[in-house]
Amino acid sequence: MPRPLSGKTPLDELTNSIRRVAAVKAALELDVFSHIDKGNRSLPAFCRVTGFNERAARLLLDALSNMGLMVRTEFEYTLAPTAETFLVKGKHEYLGDVLLAQWAWDARGQMGRAVRGNKPLNAWLELVRNLPRAPQTWYDAQAAQQEFVGAWSEIQLDTPPNAALNLAAFGIEAGLRALGVLQQFTRAKLTVLDHDAQFPRLHAVVEILQLSKRVEYQTGDWLTPLSADTYDLVVVDTITETRTIEENIGILHNAHESLKMGGWILLRAAMEEDDRRGPGLVPLWALDLLLGTVDADVYTRTEYRGMLEAAGFFDVKPVGERLNLWTARRLPPPPPPPPVDTLAPDFIPSPEQLT
């Protein structure tokens, strides 16, 4: 009996994804979304201002409409909300250059060589490995803050709303997420540790939220000593994946020493389940780490627990059902067990005396 053919749908989806990327890449390079946004919505008007061939322009615009980035009516094309917000050059939230930089990363085309040799193919990433992220991968600020809205209540800091909390953030990504605590606790203050080149991106968000007077910036890497026994909460975000376990223990120990007794650490990272099957796109994203540095890895949840405990933390546990968040506390070590008298007594009774 012939063996049934397995479905090739996943392969077709990969091919279609490549087609979609090619269409959006061409549209960004040609400023298609910006021309439409300026009012050139009919096909003749669009071709007049761009000088494009009408047939070729129609094929591209129809493809973008099919992808949900434009809306086509009988006579004109208009931008869908996603394109209007993120793909029009000059707008505050423009992400076109981000996408083009991601798609132009030639190292991805040499993935096989990276796997065979376990050597990074992108020299620039290796040179700036002390930065938390390449500039092209800065988070969407609103989405990053919203992700943590529920997390703060689940951590159960047991702190009154008027508490004068001192927070530290290792990296601007951590600083961005810690801004949610400043919004909840009106007397809280935040110190962000990172490299000078990274701060301008966080400055903009801090100014929009009118939190400038409560945020300080300290230049340095993750092993730069902070004031000891000072902070109530330290947030560490998206820096551990590019370092070895030994380096991460050093970073976490630095955080541990900066906390007050009883203080908390919140660790966010791309973590895999212990069977290394995900979740989601974590294994796929990990391949980008392989291209960037020889130290990169995606660690399991058990490995992160071990790193936190090795750094001196107690009460290590995940935050609710979230797979990528751990909390732990700086607590006094448990008292040593009482001494056990292992010396033999001077008198050892005979078996007859024991009966």
Foldseek 3Di string as FASTA:
>chain_A
DDDDDDDPVVVVVVVVVVVVLVLLLVCLVQQVLQLVVVPQWFLVSSCVVRVDDSVVVVVSQVVCVVVVQWPDDPGTIHGHPVCVQAPHPPHPNHLSVLSNVVVPPCLVVVLVVLVVVLFAPDVVLQVVLLALDDPSPDDDLVVLQVVCPVLVVLVPLVDDLQDQFEEEEQHVSRVSNCVNVCVSRVNYAYEYEGAPVRPVVSVVVCVVVVNVVRYHYDYDGLLPADAFQAGQEYEYERSPQLAALVVLLSSLLSVLRRHHAFHKYKYFYQAAAPVRPDDDCSVVVQSVSSNRHSGGDHYHPVSVVVSNVSSQWAPWDARPPDRGIIMTGRHPDDDDDDDDDPDDDPDDDDPVVVD
